[in-house]
Amino acid sequence: MDAILQGQVAVITGASGGLGEHFAKVLAEQGAAVALAARRLEKVEAIAGELAGQGHRAMALRLDVADAASIAPAFDEIEAALGPISILINNAGVGGAGMALDMTVEHFDETFAVNVRGPYFAAQAAAKLMLASGVADRGEGRIVNIASVAAQTNLPGLSAYCASKASVVMMTRVMAREWARRGISVNALGPGYILTDINAEWFETEGGAAQLKRFPRRRLMQNSDLDAALLMLAGPAASAITGQLFIIDDGQTLPGGG
């Protein structure tokens, strides 16, 4: 079977580990040239080197999406190295944990700077390049914003995080509407609980173990559980899909669940 993303160029933010690293590898395996962007340059350099050693086109660059002014120049650098950007996976994010009564302005602002403002201006920068390069005219522009089940579920102790992910979903819908006739599909992927650096400590506690037992299948998801939805939204299948949130959660948010 032919690789469905052959000839495409994908940018993955927050690609230094976890879901971002996994997404980059999945897209590369389907033929895309991948740019791995993250704050930890040494991490993305190692992953890009691994992919290059397997015969894939890959590059690494340092990018902190909280620094909105740095996003567009970074994307210009990617285009110069790999060619016209056609796929953006807006994956960079932080946990934003804290009870509402204890939340500081600084912590709230940090959460929104990374989880909302960063993806917003990354999507803007990618869309401008897609329009300028002709990618959009060919109907090949794909923006996938990584949201969360937290966008639709109230999670005590995560008020800022939930609010930020709900913002990502509405941002997705409005951008999709604005660019509906411009050849750019904008969708959001809402994963359930997967073991990550953000939540690993929590699931080692009694509270985390109790939450896990309340999930209908009493397990955490695997990164690979998102592969089919990711490839659908990043590839040709999304030509008729835009403005949608796809919740992939292993049934975790079913009534009576966690």
C-alpha atoms as a PDB file:
ATOM      1  CA  MET A   1       0.000   0.000   0.000  1.00  0.00           C
ATOM      2  CA  ASP A   2       1.318   3.454  -0.908  1.00  0.00           C
ATOM      3  CA  ALA A   3       2.156   5.861   1.894  1.00  0.00           C
ATOM      4  CA  ILE A   4      -0.803   8.231   2.105  1.00  0.00           C
ATOM      5  CA  LEU A   5       1.300  11.302   2.989  1.00  0.00           C
ATOM      6  CA  GLN A   6       3.997  10.940   0.346  1.00  0.00           C
ATOM      7  CA  GLY A   7       5.228  14.384  -0.692  1.00  0.00           C
ATOM      8  CA  GLN A   8       3.661  16.202   2.278  1.00  0.00           C
ATOM      9  CA  VAL A   9       5.544  18.308   4.833  1.00  0.00           C
ATOM     10  CA  ALA A  10       4.358  18.144   8.432  1.00  0.00           C
ATOM     11  CA  VAL A  11       5.202  20.299  11.441  1.00  0.00           C
ATOM     12  CA  ILE A  12       4.701  18.787  14.887  1.00  0.00           C
ATOM     13  CA  THR A  13       4.984  21.058  17.916  1.00  0.00           C
ATOM     14  CA  GLY A  14       5.825  19.655  21.316  1.00  0.00           C
ATOM     15  CA  ALA A  15       7.622  16.825  19.550  1.00  0.00           C
ATOM     16  CA  SER A  16      10.340  16.116  22.129  1.00  0.00           C
ATOM     17  CA  GLY A  17       8.537  13.097  23.575  1.00  0.00           C
ATOM     18  CA  GLY A  18       5.182  11.508  24.317  1.00  0.00           C
ATOM     19  CA  LEU A  19       2.429  12.090  21.795  1.00  0.00           C
ATOM     20  CA  GLY A  20       4.415  14.603  19.757  1.00  0.00           C
ATOM     21  CA  GLU A  21       7.260  12.169  19.171  1.00  0.00           C
ATOM     22  CA  HIS A  22       4.780   9.413  18.361  1.00  0.00           C
ATOM     23  CA  PHE A  23       2.851  11.593  15.920  1.00  0.00           C
ATOM     24  CA  ALA A  24       6.064  12.561  14.116  1.00  0.00           C
ATOM     25  CA  LYS A  25       7.010   8.911  13.670  1.00  0.00           C
ATOM     26  CA  VAL A  26       3.537   7.936  12.432  1.00  0.00           C
ATOM     27  CA  LEU A  27       3.496  10.739   9.855  1.00  0.00           C
ATOM     28  CA  ALA A  28       7.040   9.932   8.708  1.00  0.00           C
ATOM     29  CA  GLU A  29       6.128   6.286   8.237  1.00  0.00           C
ATOM     30  CA  GLN A  30       3.331   7.429   5.931  1.00  0.00           C
ATOM     31  CA  GLY A  31       5.752   9.361   3.737  1.00  0.00           C
ATOM     32  CA  ALA A  32       5.671  12.888   5.150  1.00  0.00           C
ATOM     33  CA  ALA A  33       8.796  14.942   5.686  1.00  0.00           C
ATOM     34  CA  VAL A  34       8.590  15.972   9.329  1.00  0.00           C
ATOM     35  CA  ALA A  35       9.782  18.985  11.289  1.00  0.00           C
ATOM     36  CA  LEU A  36       9.988  18.282  15.006  1.00  0.00           C
ATOM     37  CA  ALA A  37       9.708  21.462  17.059  1.00  0.00           C
ATOM     38  CA  ALA A  38      10.042  21.754  20.822  1.00  0.00           C
ATOM     39  CA  ARG A  39      11.771  23.685  23.580  1.00  0.00           C
ATOM     40  CA  ARG A  40      14.213  20.834  24.244  1.00  0.00           C
ATOM     41  CA  LEU A  41      16.366  20.939  21.131  1.00  0.00           C
ATOM     42  CA  GLU A  42      18.571  17.996  22.083  1.00  0.00           C
ATOM     43  CA  LYS A  43      15.505  15.758  22.371  1.00  0.00           C
ATOM     44  CA  VAL A  44      14.058  16.590  18.949  1.00  0.00           C
ATOM     45  CA  GLU A  45      17.509  16.402  17.367  1.00  0.00           C
ATOM     46  CA  ALA A  46      17.848  12.834  18.628  1.00  0.00           C
ATOM     47  CA  ILE A  47      14.419  11.849  17.303  1.00  0.00           C
ATOM     48  CA  ALA A  48      15.012  13.538  13.948  1.00  0.00           C
ATOM     49  CA  GLY A  49      18.352  11.747  13.709  1.00  0.00           C
ATOM     50  CA  GLU A  50      16.657   8.421  14.375  1.00  0.00           C
ATOM     51  CA  LEU A  51      14.098   9.090  11.644  1.00  0.00           C
ATOM     52  CA  ALA A  52      16.763  10.210   9.191  1.00  0.00           C
ATOM     53  CA  GLY A  53      18.662   7.004   9.897  1.00  0.00           C
ATOM     54  CA  GLN A  54      15.564   5.084   8.827  1.00  0.00           C
ATOM     55  CA  GLY A  55      15.455   6.911   5.515  1.00  0.00           C
ATOM     56  CA  HIS A  56      12.893   9.567   6.386  1.00  0.00           C
ATOM     57  CA  ARG A  57      13.241  13.310   5.773  1.00  0.00           C
ATOM     58  CA  ALA A  58      13.303  14.977   9.167  1.00  0.00           C
ATOM     59  CA  MET A  59      14.597  18.104  10.833  1.00  0.00           C
ATOM     60  CA  ALA A  60      14.624  19.473  14.366  1.00  0.00           C
ATOM     61  CA  LEU A  61      14.388  23.004  15.654  1.00  0.00           C
ATOM     62  CA  ARG A  62      13.922  24.728  18.956  1.00  0.00           C
ATOM     63  CA  LEU A  63      10.533  26.373  19.334  1.00  0.00           C
ATOM     64  CA  ASP A  64       8.717  27.621  22.416  1.00  0.00           C
ATOM     65  CA  VAL A  65       5.155  28.294  21.251  1.00  0.00           C
ATOM     66  CA  ALA A  66       4.626  30.568  24.252  1.00  0.00           C
ATOM     67  CA  ASP A  67       6.883  32.979  22.370  1.00  0.00           C
ATOM     68  CA  ALA A  68       4.340  33.782  19.667  1.00  0.00           C
ATOM     69  CA  ALA A  69       6.712  36.058  17.758  1.00  0.00           C
ATOM     70  CA  SER A  70       9.095  33.148  17.142  1.00  0.00           C
ATOM     71  CA  ILE A  71       6.553  30.876  15.450  1.00  0.00           C
ATOM     72  CA  ALA A  72       6.318  32.385  11.954  1.00  0.00           C
ATOM     73  CA  PRO A  73      10.125  32.666  11.518  1.00  0.00           C
ATOM     74  CA  ALA A  74      10.479  29.023  12.614  1.00  0.00           C
ATOM     75  CA  PHE A  75       7.908  27.934  10.043  1.00  0.00           C
ATOM     76  CA  ASP A  76       9.731  29.925   7.352  1.00  0.00           C
ATOM     77  CA  GLU A  77      12.893  28.006   8.289  1.00  0.00           C
ATOM     78  CA  ILE A  78      11.040  24.720   7.957  1.00  0.00           C
ATOM     79  CA  GLU A  79       9.717  25.590   4.507  1.00  0.00           C
ATOM     80  CA  ALA A  80      13.182  26.605   3.360  1.00  0.00           C
ATOM     81  CA  ALA A  81      14.563  23.233   4.464  1.00  0.00           C
ATOM     82  CA  LEU A  82      11.774  20.780   3.617  1.00  0.00           C
ATOM     83  CA  GLY A  83       9.412  22.530   1.206  1.00  0.00           C
ATOM     84  CA  PRO A  84       5.867  23.888   1.517  1.00  0.00           C
ATOM     85  CA  ILE A  85       4.171  23.023   4.794  1.00  0.00           C
ATOM     86  CA  SER A  86       0.933  21.123   4.250  1.00  0.00           C
ATOM     87  CA  ILE A  87       0.268  19.616   7.698  1.00  0.00           C
ATOM     88  CA  LEU A  88       0.426  21.169  11.173  1.00  0.00           C
ATOM     89  CA  ILE A  89      -0.031  19.082  14.295  1.00  0.00           C
ATOM     90  CA  ASN A  90      -0.557  21.593  17.111  1.00  0.00           C
ATOM     91  CA  ASN A  91       0.522  19.326  19.941  1.00  0.00           C
ATOM     92  CA  ALA A  92       2.544  21.464  22.385  1.00  0.00           C
ATOM     93  CA  GLY A  93       0.824  21.791  25.748  1.00  0.00           C
ATOM     94  CA  VAL A  94       1.178  22.024  29.520  1.00  0.00           C
ATOM     95  CA  GLY A  95      -0.906  20.586  32.337  1.00  0.00           C
ATOM     96  CA  GLY A  96      -2.210  23.729  34.032  1.00  0.00           C
ATOM     97  CA  ALA A  97      -3.073  21.841  37.212  1.00  0.00           C
ATOM     98  CA  GLY A  98      -4.345  23.664  40.284  1.00  0.00           C
ATOM     99  CA  MET A  99      -7.549  24.240  42.207  1.00  0.00           C
ATOM    100  CA  ALA A 100      -9.453  27.344  41.137  1.00  0.00           C
ATOM    101  CA  LEU A 101      -9.132  28.988  44.564  1.00  0.00           C
ATOM    102  CA  ASP A 102      -5.356  28.553  44.454  1.00  0.00           C
ATOM    103  CA  MET A 103      -4.722  29.440  40.811  1.00  0.00           C
ATOM    104  CA  THR A 104      -2.277  32.299  40.322  1.00  0.00           C
ATOM    105  CA  VAL A 105      -2.395  34.743  37.452  1.00  0.00           C
ATOM    106  CA  GLU A 106       1.080  33.609  36.406  1.00  0.00           C
ATOM    107  CA  HIS A 107       0.144  29.923  36.247  1.00  0.00           C
ATOM    108  CA  PHE A 108      -3.117  30.676  34.430  1.00  0.00           C
ATOM    109  CA  ASP A 109      -1.328  32.865  31.887  1.00  0.00           C
ATOM    110  CA  GLU A 110       1.367  30.214  31.320  1.00  0.00           C
ATOM    111  CA  THR A 111      -1.308  27.587  30.626  1.00  0.00           C
ATOM    112  CA  PHE A 112      -3.093  29.762  28.087  1.00  0.00           C
ATOM    113  CA  ALA A 113       0.138  30.994  26.491  1.00  0.00           C
ATOM    114  CA  VAL A 114       1.167  27.429  25.633  1.00  0.00           C
ATOM    115  CA  ASN A 115      -2.203  25.710  25.192  1.00  0.00           C
ATOM    116  CA  VAL A 116      -4.166  28.427  23.386  1.00  0.00           C
ATOM    117  CA  ARG A 117      -2.111  31.390  22.183  1.00  0.00           C
ATOM    118  CA  GLY A 118       0.672  29.175  20.840  1.00  0.00           C
ATOM    119  CA  PRO A 119      -1.611  26.895  18.794  1.00  0.00           C
ATOM    120  CA  TYR A 120      -3.596  29.906  17.582  1.00  0.00           C
ATOM    121  CA  PHE A 121      -0.599  31.674  16.099  1.00  0.00           C
ATOM    122  CA  ALA A 122       0.944  28.432  14.870  1.00  0.00           C
ATOM    123  CA  ALA A 123      -2.261  27.759  12.945  1.00  0.00           C
ATOM    124  CA  GLN A 124      -2.210  31.317  11.626  1.00  0.00           C
ATOM    125  CA  ALA A 125       1.405  31.027  10.476  1.00  0.00           C
ATOM    126  CA  ALA A 126       0.816  27.636   8.850  1.00  0.00           C
ATOM    127  CA  ALA A 127      -2.334  28.807   7.085  1.00  0.00           C
ATOM    128  CA  LYS A 128      -0.590  31.868   5.661  1.00  0.00           C
ATOM    129  CA  LEU A 129       2.153  29.672   4.232  1.00  0.00           C
ATOM    130  CA  MET A 130      -0.341  27.137   2.857  1.00  0.00           C
ATOM    131  CA  LEU A 131      -2.168  29.935   1.077  1.00  0.00           C
ATOM    132  CA  ALA A 132       1.017  31.502  -0.282  1.00  0.00           C
ATOM    133  CA  SER A 133       2.565  28.250  -1.509  1.00  0.00           C
ATOM    134  CA  GLY A 134      -0.436  26.829  -3.358  1.00  0.00           C
ATOM    135  CA  VAL A 135      -0.941  23.980  -0.877  1.00  0.00           C
ATOM    136  CA  ALA A 136      -4.337  25.403   0.056  1.00  0.00           C
ATOM    137  CA  ASP A 137      -5.349  25.883  -3.581  1.00  0.00           C
ATOM    138  CA  ARG A 138      -4.800  22.150  -4.067  1.00  0.00           C
ATOM    139  CA  GLY A 139      -7.022  21.422  -1.070  1.00  0.00           C
ATOM    140  CA  GLU A 140      -4.143  19.810   0.828  1.00  0.00           C
ATOM    141  CA  GLY A 141      -3.914  22.091   3.881  1.00  0.00           C
ATOM    142  CA  ARG A 142      -4.403  20.200   7.146  1.00  0.00           C
ATOM    143  CA  ILE A 143      -4.321  21.617  10.673  1.00  0.00           C
ATOM    144  CA  VAL A 144      -4.906  19.218  13.553  1.00  0.00           C
ATOM    145  CA  ASN A 145      -5.194  20.818  16.977  1.00  0.00           C
ATOM    146  CA  ILE A 146      -4.631  18.457  19.895  1.00  0.00           C
ATOM    147  CA  ALA A 147      -7.381  19.137  22.407  1.00  0.00           C
ATOM    148  CA  SER A 148      -8.485  16.721  25.134  1.00  0.00           C
ATOM    149  CA  VAL A 149     -11.508  15.098  26.725  1.00  0.00           C
ATOM    150  CA  ALA A 150     -10.979  17.948  29.203  1.00  0.00           C
ATOM    151  CA  ALA A 151     -12.552  20.263  26.628  1.00  0.00           C
ATOM    152  CA  GLN A 152     -15.927  18.673  27.381  1.00  0.00           C
ATOM    153  CA  THR A 153     -15.500  17.226  30.864  1.00  0.00           C
ATOM    154  CA  ASN A 154     -15.287  19.001  34.219  1.00  0.00           C
ATOM    155  CA  LEU A 155     -12.149  17.848  35.996  1.00  0.00           C
ATOM    156  CA  PRO A 156     -11.697  19.319  39.494  1.00  0.00           C
ATOM    157  CA  GLY A 157      -8.167  20.608  39.957  1.00  0.00           C
ATOM    158  CA  LEU A 158      -7.788  21.257  36.229  1.00  0.00           C
ATOM    159  CA  SER A 159      -9.994  24.306  35.686  1.00  0.00           C
ATOM    160  CA  ALA A 160      -7.362  26.239  33.704  1.00  0.00           C
ATOM    161  CA  TYR A 161      -6.468  23.193  31.620  1.00  0.00           C
ATOM    162  CA  CYS A 162     -10.116  22.402  30.856  1.00  0.00           C
ATOM    163  CA  ALA A 163     -10.755  26.021  29.893  1.00  0.00           C
ATOM    164  CA  SER A 164      -7.705  26.072  27.638  1.00  0.00           C
ATOM    165  CA  LYS A 165      -8.699  22.908  25.800  1.00  0.00           C
ATOM    166  CA  ALA A 166     -12.279  24.126  25.372  1.00  0.00           C
ATOM    167  CA  SER A 167     -10.755  27.256  23.826  1.00  0.00           C
ATOM    168  CA  VAL A 168      -8.784  25.095  21.398  1.00  0.00           C
ATOM    169  CA  VAL A 169     -11.988  23.416  20.249  1.00  0.00           C
ATOM    170  CA  MET A 170     -13.797  26.710  19.605  1.00  0.00           C
ATOM    171  CA  MET A 171     -10.695  28.129  17.908  1.00  0.00           C
ATOM    172  CA  THR A 172     -10.735  25.067  15.653  1.00  0.00           C
ATOM    173  CA  ARG A 173     -14.364  25.577  14.677  1.00  0.00           C
ATOM    174  CA  VAL A 174     -14.012  29.275  13.899  1.00  0.00           C
ATOM    175  CA  MET A 175     -10.811  28.853  11.884  1.00  0.00           C
ATOM    176  CA  ALA A 176     -12.429  25.998   9.981  1.00  0.00           C
ATOM    177  CA  ARG A 177     -15.342  28.269   9.100  1.00  0.00           C
ATOM    178  CA  GLU A 178     -13.099  31.142   8.038  1.00  0.00           C
ATOM    179  CA  TRP A 179     -10.946  28.907   5.836  1.00  0.00           C
ATOM    180  CA  ALA A 180     -13.651  26.538   4.602  1.00  0.00           C
ATOM    181  CA  ARG A 181     -13.373  27.826   1.024  1.00  0.00           C
ATOM    182  CA  ARG A 182      -9.617  28.253   1.129  1.00  0.00           C
ATOM    183  CA  GLY A 183      -8.553  24.595   0.930  1.00  0.00           C
ATOM    184  CA  ILE A 184      -7.508  24.189   4.575  1.00  0.00           C
ATOM    185  CA  SER A 185      -9.182  21.630   6.833  1.00  0.00           C
ATOM    186  CA  VAL A 186      -8.976  22.426  10.547  1.00  0.00           C
ATOM    187  CA  ASN A 187      -9.954  19.776  13.073  1.00  0.00           C
ATOM    188  CA  ALA A 188      -9.282  18.844  16.676  1.00  0.00           C
ATOM    189  CA  LEU A 189      -8.346  15.522  18.215  1.00  0.00           C
ATOM    190  CA  GLY A 190      -9.431  14.989  21.817  1.00  0.00           C
ATOM    191  CA  PRO A 191      -7.519  12.137  23.468  1.00  0.00           C
ATOM    192  CA  GLY A 192      -8.589  10.478  26.673  1.00  0.00           C
ATOM    193  CA  TYR A 193      -6.105   9.618  29.382  1.00  0.00           C
ATOM    194  CA  ILE A 194      -2.789   8.320  28.049  1.00  0.00           C
ATOM    195  CA  LEU A 195       0.226   7.977  30.342  1.00  0.00           C
ATOM    196  CA  THR A 196       2.343  11.091  29.764  1.00  0.00           C
ATOM    197  CA  ASP A 197       4.896  13.193  31.605  1.00  0.00           C
ATOM    198  CA  ILE A 198       2.031  15.482  32.627  1.00  0.00           C
ATOM    199  CA  ASN A 199      -0.031  12.820  34.434  1.00  0.00           C
ATOM    200  CA  ALA A 200       2.429  10.021  35.286  1.00  0.00           C
ATOM    201  CA  GLU A 201       2.875  11.205  38.880  1.00  0.00           C
ATOM    202  CA  TRP A 202      -0.891  11.416  39.411  1.00  0.00           C
ATOM    203  CA  PHE A 203      -1.586   7.857  38.325  1.00  0.00           C
ATOM    204  CA  GLU A 204       0.959   6.604  40.862  1.00  0.00           C
ATOM    205  CA  THR A 205      -1.158   8.032  43.705  1.00  0.00           C
ATOM    206  CA  GLU A 206      -4.153   6.438  45.412  1.00  0.00           C
ATOM    207  CA  GLY A 207      -6.411   9.005  43.769  1.00  0.00           C
ATOM    208  CA  GLY A 208      -5.035   8.179  40.331  1.00  0.00           C
ATOM    209  CA  ALA A 209      -5.443   4.454  40.913  1.00  0.00           C
ATOM    210  CA  ALA A 210      -9.037   5.026  42.017  1.00  0.00           C
ATOM    211  CA  GLN A 211      -9.763   7.076  38.908  1.00  0.00           C
ATOM    212  CA  LEU A 212      -8.330   4.321  36.723  1.00  0.00           C
ATOM    213  CA  LYS A 213     -10.676   1.784  38.308  1.00  0.00           C
ATOM    214  CA  ARG A 214     -13.653   3.990  37.414  1.00  0.00           C
ATOM    215  CA  PHE A 215     -12.843   3.902  33.705  1.00  0.00           C
ATOM    216  CA  PRO A 216     -15.175   1.411  31.967  1.00  0.00           C
ATOM    217  CA  ARG A 217     -12.183  -0.599  30.695  1.00  0.00           C
ATOM    218  CA  ARG A 218      -9.995   0.136  33.743  1.00  0.00           C
ATOM    219  CA  ARG A 219      -6.967   1.058  31.690  1.00  0.00           C
ATOM    220  CA  LEU A 220      -5.089   3.947  30.167  1.00  0.00           C
ATOM    221  CA  MET A 221      -4.950   4.368  26.417  1.00  0.00           C
ATOM    222  CA  GLN A 222      -1.888   3.794  24.259  1.00  0.00           C
ATOM    223  CA  ASN A 223      -0.379   6.400  21.924  1.00  0.00           C
ATOM    224  CA  SER A 224      -1.162   4.143  18.975  1.00  0.00           C
ATOM    225  CA  ASP A 225      -4.890   4.297  19.746  1.00  0.00           C
ATOM    226  CA  LEU A 226      -4.863   7.755  18.113  1.00  0.00           C
ATOM    227  CA  ASP A 227      -3.116   6.716  14.885  1.00  0.00           C
ATOM    228  CA  ALA A 228      -6.164   6.081  12.725  1.00  0.00           C
ATOM    229  CA  ALA A 229      -7.815   9.384  13.642  1.00  0.00           C
ATOM    230  CA  LEU A 230      -4.559  11.294  13.248  1.00  0.00           C
ATOM    231  CA  LEU A 231      -3.959   9.955   9.751  1.00  0.00           C
ATOM    232  CA  MET A 232      -7.548  10.573   8.742  1.00  0.00           C
ATOM    233  CA  LEU A 233      -7.342  14.232   9.794  1.00  0.00           C
ATOM    234  CA  ALA A 234      -3.847  14.804   8.393  1.00  0.00           C
ATOM    235  CA  GLY A 235      -4.408  13.036   5.096  1.00  0.00           C
ATOM    236  CA  PRO A 236      -6.623  12.984   2.014  1.00  0.00           C
ATOM    237  CA  ALA A 237      -9.661  11.749   3.973  1.00  0.00           C
ATOM    238  CA  ALA A 238     -10.007  15.157   5.635  1.00  0.00           C
ATOM    239  CA  SER A 239     -10.870  16.865   2.350  1.00  0.00           C
ATOM    240  CA  ALA A 240     -14.517  16.724   3.479  1.00  0.00           C
ATOM    241  CA  ILE A 241     -13.916  16.989   7.232  1.00  0.00           C
ATOM    242  CA  THR A 242     -13.414  20.356   8.902  1.00  0.00           C
ATOM    243  CA  GLY A 243     -14.376  22.084  12.130  1.00  0.00           C
ATOM    244  CA  GLN A 244     -14.830  18.835  14.040  1.00  0.00           C
ATOM    245  CA  LEU A 245     -13.683  17.500  17.395  1.00  0.00           C
ATOM    246  CA  PHE A 246     -12.914  13.776  17.453  1.00  0.00           C
ATOM    247  CA  ILE A 247     -12.943  12.346  20.966  1.00  0.00           C
ATOM    248  CA  ILE A 248     -10.878   9.155  21.193  1.00  0.00           C
ATOM    249  CA  ASP A 249     -11.046   8.067  24.837  1.00  0.00           C
ATOM    250  CA  ASP A 250     -11.580   4.303  25.131  1.00  0.00           C
ATOM    251  CA  GLY A 251     -14.988   5.026  26.654  1.00  0.00           C
ATOM    252  CA  GLN A 252     -13.454   6.902  29.603  1.00  0.00           C
ATOM    253  CA  THR A 253     -16.092   9.649  29.511  1.00  0.00           C
ATOM    254  CA  LEU A 254     -19.112   7.382  29.206  1.00  0.00           C
ATOM    255  CA  PRO A 255     -21.741   8.117  31.887  1.00  0.00           C
ATOM    256  CA  GLY A 256     -20.744   6.451  35.106  1.00  0.00           C
ATOM    257  CA  GLY A 257     -17.089   6.413  34.112  1.00  0.00           C
ATOM    258  CA  GLY A 258     -14.049   8.255  35.445  1.00  0.00           C
END
